Amino acid sequence: IASAERLLVFAGDGGATSLRPSLLLERALLSVVGAH
């Protein structure tokens, strides 16, 4: 839930960099689900 709230803040941040905050959070979320 906390990650979802944060992602909505990042909506439309754009950019192609692999270090943008939204992509880092996407990777973290996917990692948690994959680990489970």
ModelCIF file with pLDDT and N, C-alpha, C, O atoms, coordinates in Angstrom:
data_MODEL
#
_entry.id   MODEL 
#
_entity.id                         1 
_entity.type                       polymer 
_entity.pdbx_number_of_molecules   1 
#
_entity_poly.entity_id                      1 
_entity_poly.type                           'polypeptide(L)' 
_entity_poly.nstd_linkage                   no 
_entity_poly.nstd_monomer                   no 
_entity_poly.pdbx_seq_one_letter_code       IASAERLLVFAGDGGATSLRPSLLLERALLSVVGAH 
_entity_poly.pdbx_seq_one_letter_code_can   IASAERLLVFAGDGGATSLRPSLLLERALLSVVGAH 
_entity_poly.pdbx_strand_id                 A 
#
loop_
_entity_poly_seq.entity_id 
_entity_poly_seq.num 
_entity_poly_seq.mon_id 
_entity_poly_seq.hetero 
1 1  ILE n 
1 2  ALA n 
1 3  SER n 
1 4  ALA n 
1 5  GLU n 
1 6  ARG n 
1 7  LEU n 
1 8  LEU n 
1 9  VAL n 
1 10 PHE n 
1 11 ALA n 
1 12 GLY n 
1 13 ASP n 
1 14 GLY n 
1 15 GLY n 
1 16 ALA n 
1 17 THR n 
1 18 SER n 
1 19 LEU n 
1 20 ARG n 
1 21 PRO n 
1 22 SER n 
1 23 LEU n 
1 24 LEU n 
1 25 LEU n 
1 26 GLU n 
1 27 ARG n 
1 28 ALA n 
1 29 LEU n 
1 30 LEU n 
1 31 SER n 
1 32 VAL n 
1 33 VAL n 
1 34 GLY n 
1 35 ALA n 
1 36 HIS n 
#
_struct_asym.id          A 
_struct_asym.entity_id   1 
#
loop_
_ma_qa_metric.id 
_ma_qa_metric.mode 
_ma_qa_metric.name 
_ma_qa_metric.software_group_id 
_ma_qa_metric.type 
1 global pLDDT . pLDDT 
2 local  pLDDT . pLDDT 
#
_ma_qa_metric_global.metric_id      1 
_ma_qa_metric_global.metric_value   80.64 
_ma_qa_metric_global.model_id       1 
_ma_qa_metric_global.ordinal_id     1 
#
loop_
_ma_qa_metric_local.label_asym_id 
_ma_qa_metric_local.label_comp_id 
_ma_qa_metric_local.label_seq_id 
_ma_qa_metric_local.metric_id 
_ma_qa_metric_local.metric_value 
_ma_qa_metric_local.model_id 
_ma_qa_metric_local.ordinal_id 
A ILE 1  2 92.00 1 1  
A ALA 2  2 91.00 1 2  
A SER 3  2 91.00 1 3  
A ALA 4  2 91.00 1 4  
A GLU 5  2 90.00 1 5  
A ARG 6  2 90.00 1 6  
A LEU 7  2 88.00 1 7  
A LEU 8  2 84.00 1 8  
A VAL 9  2 84.00 1 9  
A PHE 10 2 79.00 1 10 
A ALA 11 2 74.00 1 11 
A GLY 12 2 63.00 1 12 
A ASP 13 2 61.00 1 13 
A GLY 14 2 56.00 1 14 
A GLY 15 2 51.00 1 15 
A ALA 16 2 49.00 1 16 
A THR 17 2 52.00 1 17 
A SER 18 2 53.00 1 18 
A LEU 19 2 57.00 1 19 
A ARG 20 2 72.00 1 20 
A PRO 21 2 81.00 1 21 
A SER 22 2 86.00 1 22 
A LEU 23 2 88.00 1 23 
A LEU 24 2 88.00 1 24 
A LEU 25 2 91.00 1 25 
A GLU 26 2 92.00 1 26 
A ARG 27 2 92.00 1 27 
A ALA 28 2 92.00 1 28 
A LEU 29 2 92.00 1 29 
A LEU 30 2 92.00 1 30 
A SER 31 2 92.00 1 31 
A VAL 32 2 91.00 1 32 
A VAL 33 2 92.00 1 33 
A GLY 34 2 90.00 1 34 
A ALA 35 2 88.00 1 35 
A HIS 36 2 88.00 1 36 
#
loop_
_atom_site.group_PDB 
_atom_site.id 
_atom_site.type_symbol 
_atom_site.label_atom_id 
_atom_site.label_alt_id 
_atom_site.label_comp_id 
_atom_site.label_asym_id 
_atom_site.label_entity_id 
_atom_site.label_seq_id 
_atom_site.pdbx_PDB_ins_code 
_atom_site.Cartn_x 
_atom_site.Cartn_y 
_atom_site.Cartn_z 
_atom_site.occupancy 
_atom_site.B_iso_or_equiv 
_atom_site.pdbx_formal_charge 
_atom_site.auth_seq_id 
_atom_site.auth_comp_id 
_atom_site.auth_asym_id 
_atom_site.auth_atom_id 
_atom_site.pdbx_PDB_model_num 
ATOM 1   N N  . ILE A 1 1  ? 0.832  -1.206  0.000   1.00 92.00 ? 1  ILE A N  1 
ATOM 2   C CA . ILE A 1 1  ? 0.000  0.000   0.000   1.00 92.00 ? 1  ILE A CA 1 
ATOM 3   C C  . ILE A 1 1  ? 0.864  1.253   0.000   1.00 92.00 ? 1  ILE A C  1 
ATOM 4   O O  . ILE A 1 1  ? 0.592  2.199   -0.740  1.00 92.00 ? 1  ILE A O  1 
ATOM 5   N N  . ALA A 1 2  ? 1.908  1.262   0.831   1.00 91.00 ? 2  ALA A N  1 
ATOM 6   C CA . ALA A 1 2  ? 2.795  2.425   0.886   1.00 91.00 ? 2  ALA A CA 1 
ATOM 7   C C  . ALA A 1 2  ? 3.498  2.647   -0.456  1.00 91.00 ? 2  ALA A C  1 
ATOM 8   O O  . ALA A 1 2  ? 3.671  3.784   -0.892  1.00 91.00 ? 2  ALA A O  1 
ATOM 9   N N  . SER A 1 3  ? 3.896  1.562   -1.097  1.00 91.00 ? 3  SER A N  1 
ATOM 10  C CA . SER A 1 3  ? 4.554  1.671   -2.402  1.00 91.00 ? 3  SER A CA 1 
ATOM 11  C C  . SER A 1 3  ? 3.585  2.188   -3.458  1.00 91.00 ? 3  SER A C  1 
ATOM 12  O O  . SER A 1 3  ? 3.962  2.989   -4.314  1.00 91.00 ? 3  SER A O  1 
ATOM 13  N N  . ALA A 1 4  ? 2.325  1.725   -3.399  1.00 91.00 ? 4  ALA A N  1 
ATOM 14  C CA . ALA A 1 4  ? 1.320  2.191   -4.348  1.00 91.00 ? 4  ALA A CA 1 
ATOM 15  C C  . ALA A 1 4  ? 1.091  3.690   -4.199  1.00 91.00 ? 4  ALA A C  1 
ATOM 16  O O  . ALA A 1 4  ? 1.008  4.406   -5.197  1.00 91.00 ? 4  ALA A O  1 
ATOM 17  N N  . GLU A 1 5  ? 0.990  4.162   -2.980  1.00 90.00 ? 5  GLU A N  1 
ATOM 18  C CA . GLU A 1 5  ? 0.797  5.592   -2.743  1.00 90.00 ? 5  GLU A CA 1 
ATOM 19  C C  . GLU A 1 5  ? 1.964  6.398   -3.294  1.00 90.00 ? 5  GLU A C  1 
ATOM 20  O O  . GLU A 1 5  ? 1.779  7.470   -3.871  1.00 90.00 ? 5  GLU A O  1 
ATOM 21  N N  . ARG A 1 6  ? 3.168  5.864   -3.108  1.00 90.00 ? 6  ARG A N  1 
ATOM 22  C CA . ARG A 1 6  ? 4.354  6.583   -3.576  1.00 90.00 ? 6  ARG A CA 1 
ATOM 23  C C  . ARG A 1 6  ? 4.436  6.577   -5.104  1.00 90.00 ? 6  ARG A C  1 
ATOM 24  O O  . ARG A 1 6  ? 4.830  7.577   -5.705  1.00 90.00 ? 6  ARG A O  1 
ATOM 25  N N  . LEU A 1 7  ? 4.072  5.470   -5.729  1.00 88.00 ? 7  LEU A N  1 
ATOM 26  C CA . LEU A 1 7  ? 4.124  5.386   -7.181  1.00 88.00 ? 7  LEU A CA 1 
ATOM 27  C C  . LEU A 1 7  ? 3.186  6.393   -7.833  1.00 88.00 ? 7  LEU A C  1 
ATOM 28  O O  . LEU A 1 7  ? 3.511  6.966   -8.873  1.00 88.00 ? 7  LEU A O  1 
ATOM 29  N N  . LEU A 1 8  ? 2.024  6.609   -7.226  1.00 84.00 ? 8  LEU A N  1 
ATOM 30  C CA . LEU A 1 8  ? 1.083  7.550   -7.801  1.00 84.00 ? 8  LEU A CA 1 
ATOM 31  C C  . LEU A 1 8  ? 1.652  8.970   -7.779  1.00 84.00 ? 8  LEU A C  1 
ATOM 32  O O  . LEU A 1 8  ? 1.344  9.778   -8.655  1.00 84.00 ? 8  LEU A O  1 
ATOM 33  N N  . VAL A 1 9  ? 2.475  9.269   -6.787  1.00 84.00 ? 9  VAL A N  1 
ATOM 34  C CA . VAL A 1 9  ? 3.146  10.564  -6.728  1.00 84.00 ? 9  VAL A CA 1 
ATOM 35  C C  . VAL A 1 9  ? 4.114  10.705  -7.898  1.00 84.00 ? 9  VAL A C  1 
ATOM 36  O O  . VAL A 1 9  ? 4.303  11.798  -8.433  1.00 84.00 ? 9  VAL A O  1 
ATOM 37  N N  . PHE A 1 10 ? 4.736  9.568   -8.295  1.00 79.00 ? 10 PHE A N  1 
ATOM 38  C CA . PHE A 1 10 ? 5.717  9.584   -9.373  1.00 79.00 ? 10 PHE A CA 1 
ATOM 39  C C  . PHE A 1 10 ? 5.083  9.560   -10.760 1.00 79.00 ? 10 PHE A C  1 
ATOM 40  O O  . PHE A 1 10 ? 5.790  9.683   -11.760 1.00 79.00 ? 10 PHE A O  1 
ATOM 41  N N  . ALA A 1 11 ? 3.756  9.403   -10.835 1.00 74.00 ? 11 ALA A N  1 
ATOM 42  C CA . ALA A 1 11 ? 3.099  9.275   -12.140 1.00 74.00 ? 11 ALA A CA 1 
ATOM 43  C C  . ALA A 1 11 ? 3.476  10.442  -13.042 1.00 74.00 ? 11 ALA A C  1 
ATOM 44  O O  . ALA A 1 11 ? 3.351  11.604  -12.654 1.00 74.00 ? 11 ALA A O  1 
ATOM 45  N N  . GLY A 1 12 ? 3.937  10.126  -14.243 1.00 63.00 ? 12 GLY A N  1 
ATOM 46  C CA . GLY A 1 12 ? 4.291  11.162  -15.201 1.00 63.00 ? 12 GLY A CA 1 
ATOM 47  C C  . GLY A 1 12 ? 5.671  11.748  -15.015 1.00 63.00 ? 12 GLY A C  1 
ATOM 48  O O  . GLY A 1 12 ? 5.985  12.781  -15.606 1.00 63.00 ? 12 GLY A O  1 
ATOM 49  N N  . ASP A 1 13 ? 6.526  11.096  -14.184 1.00 61.00 ? 13 ASP A N  1 
ATOM 50  C CA . ASP A 1 13 ? 7.861  11.667  -13.990 1.00 61.00 ? 13 ASP A CA 1 
ATOM 51  C C  . ASP A 1 13 ? 8.720  11.519  -15.238 1.00 61.00 ? 13 ASP A C  1 
ATOM 52  O O  . ASP A 1 13 ? 9.658  12.291  -15.438 1.00 61.00 ? 13 ASP A O  1 
ATOM 53  N N  . GLY A 1 14 ? 8.402  10.501  -16.108 1.00 56.00 ? 14 GLY A N  1 
ATOM 54  C CA . GLY A 1 14 ? 9.089  10.366  -17.399 1.00 56.00 ? 14 GLY A CA 1 
ATOM 55  C C  . GLY A 1 14 ? 10.572 10.107  -17.236 1.00 56.00 ? 14 GLY A C  1 
ATOM 56  O O  . GLY A 1 14 ? 11.044 9.718   -16.168 1.00 56.00 ? 14 GLY A O  1 
ATOM 57  N N  . GLY A 1 15 ? 11.284 10.327  -18.303 1.00 51.00 ? 15 GLY A N  1 
ATOM 58  C CA . GLY A 1 15 ? 12.724 10.133  -18.266 1.00 51.00 ? 15 GLY A CA 1 
ATOM 59  C C  . GLY A 1 15 ? 13.123 8.715   -18.599 1.00 51.00 ? 15 GLY A C  1 
ATOM 60  O O  . GLY A 1 15 ? 12.375 7.771   -18.345 1.00 51.00 ? 15 GLY A O  1 
ATOM 61  N N  . ALA A 1 16 ? 14.311 8.566   -19.173 1.00 49.00 ? 16 ALA A N  1 
ATOM 62  C CA . ALA A 1 16 ? 14.779 7.242   -19.577 1.00 49.00 ? 16 ALA A CA 1 
ATOM 63  C C  . ALA A 1 16 ? 15.827 6.685   -18.631 1.00 49.00 ? 16 ALA A C  1 
ATOM 64  O O  . ALA A 1 16 ? 16.239 5.535   -18.779 1.00 49.00 ? 16 ALA A O  1 
ATOM 65  N N  . THR A 1 17 ? 16.263 7.469   -17.671 1.00 52.00 ? 17 THR A N  1 
ATOM 66  C CA . THR A 1 17 ? 17.332 7.019   -16.798 1.00 52.00 ? 17 THR A CA 1 
ATOM 67  C C  . THR A 1 17 ? 16.891 5.849   -15.938 1.00 52.00 ? 17 THR A C  1 
ATOM 68  O O  . THR A 1 17 ? 15.765 5.818   -15.442 1.00 52.00 ? 17 THR A O  1 
ATOM 69  N N  . SER A 1 18 ? 17.774 4.899   -15.768 1.00 53.00 ? 18 SER A N  1 
ATOM 70  C CA . SER A 1 18 ? 17.467 3.718   -14.950 1.00 53.00 ? 18 SER A CA 1 
ATOM 71  C C  . SER A 1 18 ? 17.520 4.035   -13.463 1.00 53.00 ? 18 SER A C  1 
ATOM 72  O O  . SER A 1 18 ? 17.214 3.174   -12.639 1.00 53.00 ? 18 SER A O  1 
ATOM 73  N N  . LEU A 1 19 ? 17.905 5.259   -13.108 1.00 57.00 ? 19 LEU A N  1 
ATOM 74  C CA . LEU A 1 19 ? 18.018 5.627   -11.699 1.00 57.00 ? 19 LEU A CA 1 
ATOM 75  C C  . LEU A 1 19 ? 16.879 6.517   -11.236 1.00 57.00 ? 19 LEU A C  1 
ATOM 76  O O  . LEU A 1 19 ? 16.913 6.997   -10.102 1.00 57.00 ? 19 LEU A O  1 
ATOM 77  N N  . ARG A 1 20 ? 15.864 6.759   -12.069 1.00 72.00 ? 20 ARG A N  1 
ATOM 78  C CA . ARG A 1 20 ? 14.785 7.611   -11.625 1.00 72.00 ? 20 ARG A CA 1 
ATOM 79  C C  . ARG A 1 20 ? 14.032 6.911   -10.487 1.00 72.00 ? 20 ARG A C  1 
ATOM 80  O O  . ARG A 1 20 ? 13.902 5.687   -10.511 1.00 72.00 ? 20 ARG A O  1 
ATOM 81  N N  . PRO A 1 21 ? 13.539 7.647   -9.501  1.00 81.00 ? 21 PRO A N  1 
ATOM 82  C CA . PRO A 1 21 ? 12.954 7.045   -8.296  1.00 81.00 ? 21 PRO A CA 1 
ATOM 83  C C  . PRO A 1 21 ? 11.822 6.070   -8.586  1.00 81.00 ? 21 PRO A C  1 
ATOM 84  O O  . PRO A 1 21 ? 11.725 5.028   -7.938  1.00 81.00 ? 21 PRO A O  1 
ATOM 85  N N  . SER A 1 22 ? 10.969 6.389   -9.545  1.00 86.00 ? 22 SER A N  1 
ATOM 86  C CA . SER A 1 22 ? 9.835  5.506   -9.804  1.00 86.00 ? 22 SER A CA 1 
ATOM 87  C C  . SER A 1 22 ? 10.285 4.127   -10.280 1.00 86.00 ? 22 SER A C  1 
ATOM 88  O O  . SER A 1 22 ? 9.714  3.115   -9.873  1.00 86.00 ? 22 SER A O  1 
ATOM 89  N N  . LEU A 1 23 ? 11.310 4.080   -11.143 1.00 88.00 ? 23 LEU A N  1 
ATOM 90  C CA . LEU A 1 23 ? 11.784 2.789   -11.649 1.00 88.00 ? 23 LEU A CA 1 
ATOM 91  C C  . LEU A 1 23 ? 12.449 1.991   -10.536 1.00 88.00 ? 23 LEU A C  1 
ATOM 92  O O  . LEU A 1 23 ? 12.315 0.769   -10.480 1.00 88.00 ? 23 LEU A O  1 
ATOM 93  N N  . LEU A 1 24 ? 13.161 2.672   -9.656  1.00 88.00 ? 24 LEU A N  1 
ATOM 94  C CA . LEU A 1 24 ? 13.773 1.975   -8.519  1.00 88.00 ? 24 LEU A CA 1 
ATOM 95  C C  . LEU A 1 24 ? 12.700 1.346   -7.634  1.00 88.00 ? 24 LEU A C  1 
ATOM 96  O O  . LEU A 1 24 ? 12.873 0.233   -7.138  1.00 88.00 ? 24 LEU A O  1 
ATOM 97  N N  . LEU A 1 25 ? 11.588 2.066   -7.439  1.00 91.00 ? 25 LEU A N  1 
ATOM 98  C CA . LEU A 1 25 ? 10.499 1.529   -6.633  1.00 91.00 ? 25 LEU A CA 1 
ATOM 99  C C  . LEU A 1 25 ? 9.802  0.379   -7.355  1.00 91.00 ? 25 LEU A C  1 
ATOM 100 O O  . LEU A 1 25 ? 9.415  -0.602  -6.720  1.00 91.00 ? 25 LEU A O  1 
ATOM 101 N N  . GLU A 1 26 ? 9.639  0.488   -8.666  1.00 92.00 ? 26 GLU A N  1 
ATOM 102 C CA . GLU A 1 26 ? 9.073  -0.622  -9.441  1.00 92.00 ? 26 GLU A CA 1 
ATOM 103 C C  . GLU A 1 26 ? 9.909  -1.887  -9.234  1.00 92.00 ? 26 GLU A C  1 
ATOM 104 O O  . GLU A 1 26 ? 9.375  -2.967  -8.982  1.00 92.00 ? 26 GLU A O  1 
ATOM 105 N N  . ARG A 1 27 ? 11.221 -1.730  -9.345  1.00 92.00 ? 27 ARG A N  1 
ATOM 106 C CA . ARG A 1 27 ? 12.104 -2.887  -9.196  1.00 92.00 ? 27 ARG A CA 1 
ATOM 107 C C  . ARG A 1 27 ? 11.999 -3.484  -7.794  1.00 92.00 ? 27 ARG A C  1 
ATOM 108 O O  . ARG A 1 27 ? 12.018 -4.704  -7.629  1.00 92.00 ? 27 ARG A O  1 
ATOM 109 N N  . ALA A 1 28 ? 11.890 -2.622  -6.790  1.00 92.00 ? 28 ALA A N  1 
ATOM 110 C CA . ALA A 1 28 ? 11.778 -3.110  -5.416  1.00 92.00 ? 28 ALA A CA 1 
ATOM 111 C C  . ALA A 1 28 ? 10.472 -3.875  -5.216  1.00 92.00 ? 28 ALA A C  1 
ATOM 112 O O  . ALA A 1 28 ? 10.454 -4.932  -4.585  1.00 92.00 ? 28 ALA A O  1 
ATOM 113 N N  . LEU A 1 29 ? 9.379  -3.334  -5.757  1.00 92.00 ? 29 LEU A N  1 
ATOM 114 C CA . LEU A 1 29 ? 8.091  -4.015  -5.642  1.00 92.00 ? 29 LEU A CA 1 
ATOM 115 C C  . LEU A 1 29 ? 8.123  -5.376  -6.329  1.00 92.00 ? 29 LEU A C  1 
ATOM 116 O O  . LEU A 1 29 ? 7.676  -6.377  -5.768  1.00 92.00 ? 29 LEU A O  1 
ATOM 117 N N  . LEU A 1 30 ? 8.649  -5.402  -7.528  1.00 92.00 ? 30 LEU A N  1 
ATOM 118 C CA . LEU A 1 30 ? 8.710  -6.651  -8.268  1.00 92.00 ? 30 LEU A CA 1 
ATOM 119 C C  . LEU A 1 30 ? 9.607  -7.657  -7.552  1.00 92.00 ? 30 LEU A C  1 
ATOM 120 O O  . LEU A 1 30 ? 9.332  -8.857  -7.565  1.00 92.00 ? 30 LEU A O  1 
ATOM 121 N N  . SER A 1 31 ? 10.667 -7.173  -6.934  1.00 92.00 ? 31 SER A N  1 
ATOM 122 C CA . SER A 1 31 ? 11.572 -8.045  -6.198  1.00 92.00 ? 31 SER A CA 1 
ATOM 123 C C  . SER A 1 31 ? 10.879 -8.681  -4.995  1.00 92.00 ? 31 SER A C  1 
ATOM 124 O O  . SER A 1 31 ? 11.083 -9.862  -4.712  1.00 92.00 ? 31 SER A O  1 
ATOM 125 N N  . VAL A 1 32 ? 10.064 -7.904  -4.290  1.00 91.00 ? 32 VAL A N  1 
ATOM 126 C CA . VAL A 1 32 ? 9.343  -8.439  -3.128  1.00 91.00 ? 32 VAL A CA 1 
ATOM 127 C C  . VAL A 1 32 ? 8.371  -9.538  -3.550  1.00 91.00 ? 32 VAL A C  1 
ATOM 128 O O  . VAL A 1 32 ? 8.320  -10.601 -2.931  1.00 91.00 ? 32 VAL A O  1 
ATOM 129 N N  . VAL A 1 33 ? 7.601  -9.277  -4.605  1.00 92.00 ? 33 VAL A N  1 
ATOM 130 C CA . VAL A 1 33 ? 6.636  -10.283 -5.071  1.00 92.00 ? 33 VAL A CA 1 
ATOM 131 C C  . VAL A 1 33 ? 7.369  -11.521 -5.587  1.00 92.00 ? 33 VAL A C  1 
ATOM 132 O O  . VAL A 1 33 ? 6.957  -12.648 -5.312  1.00 92.00 ? 33 VAL A O  1 
ATOM 133 N N  . GLY A 1 34 ? 8.463  -11.311 -6.342  1.00 90.00 ? 34 GLY A N  1 
ATOM 134 C CA . GLY A 1 34 ? 9.236  -12.444 -6.848  1.00 90.00 ? 34 GLY A CA 1 
ATOM 135 C C  . GLY A 1 34 ? 9.824  -13.283 -5.742  1.00 90.00 ? 34 GLY A C  1 
ATOM 136 O O  . GLY A 1 34 ? 9.863  -14.509 -5.843  1.00 90.00 ? 34 GLY A O  1 
ATOM 137 N N  . ALA A 1 35 ? 10.290 -12.628 -4.669  1.00 88.00 ? 35 ALA A N  1 
ATOM 138 C CA . ALA A 1 35 ? 10.858 -13.361 -3.541  1.00 88.00 ? 35 ALA A CA 1 
ATOM 139 C C  . ALA A 1 35 ? 9.794  -14.203 -2.835  1.00 88.00 ? 35 ALA A C  1 
ATOM 140 O O  . ALA A 1 35 ? 10.060 -15.343 -2.455  1.00 88.00 ? 35 ALA A O  1 
ATOM 141 N N  . HIS A 1 36 ? 8.599  -13.652 -2.657  1.00 88.00 ? 36 HIS A N  1 
ATOM 142 C CA . HIS A 1 36 ? 7.515  -14.413 -2.041  1.00 88.00 ? 36 HIS A CA 1 
ATOM 143 C C  . HIS A 1 36 ? 7.097  -15.595 -2.920  1.00 88.00 ? 36 HIS A C  1 
ATOM 144 O O  . HIS A 1 36 ? 6.193  -16.347 -2.554  1.00 88.00 ? 36 HIS A O  1 
#
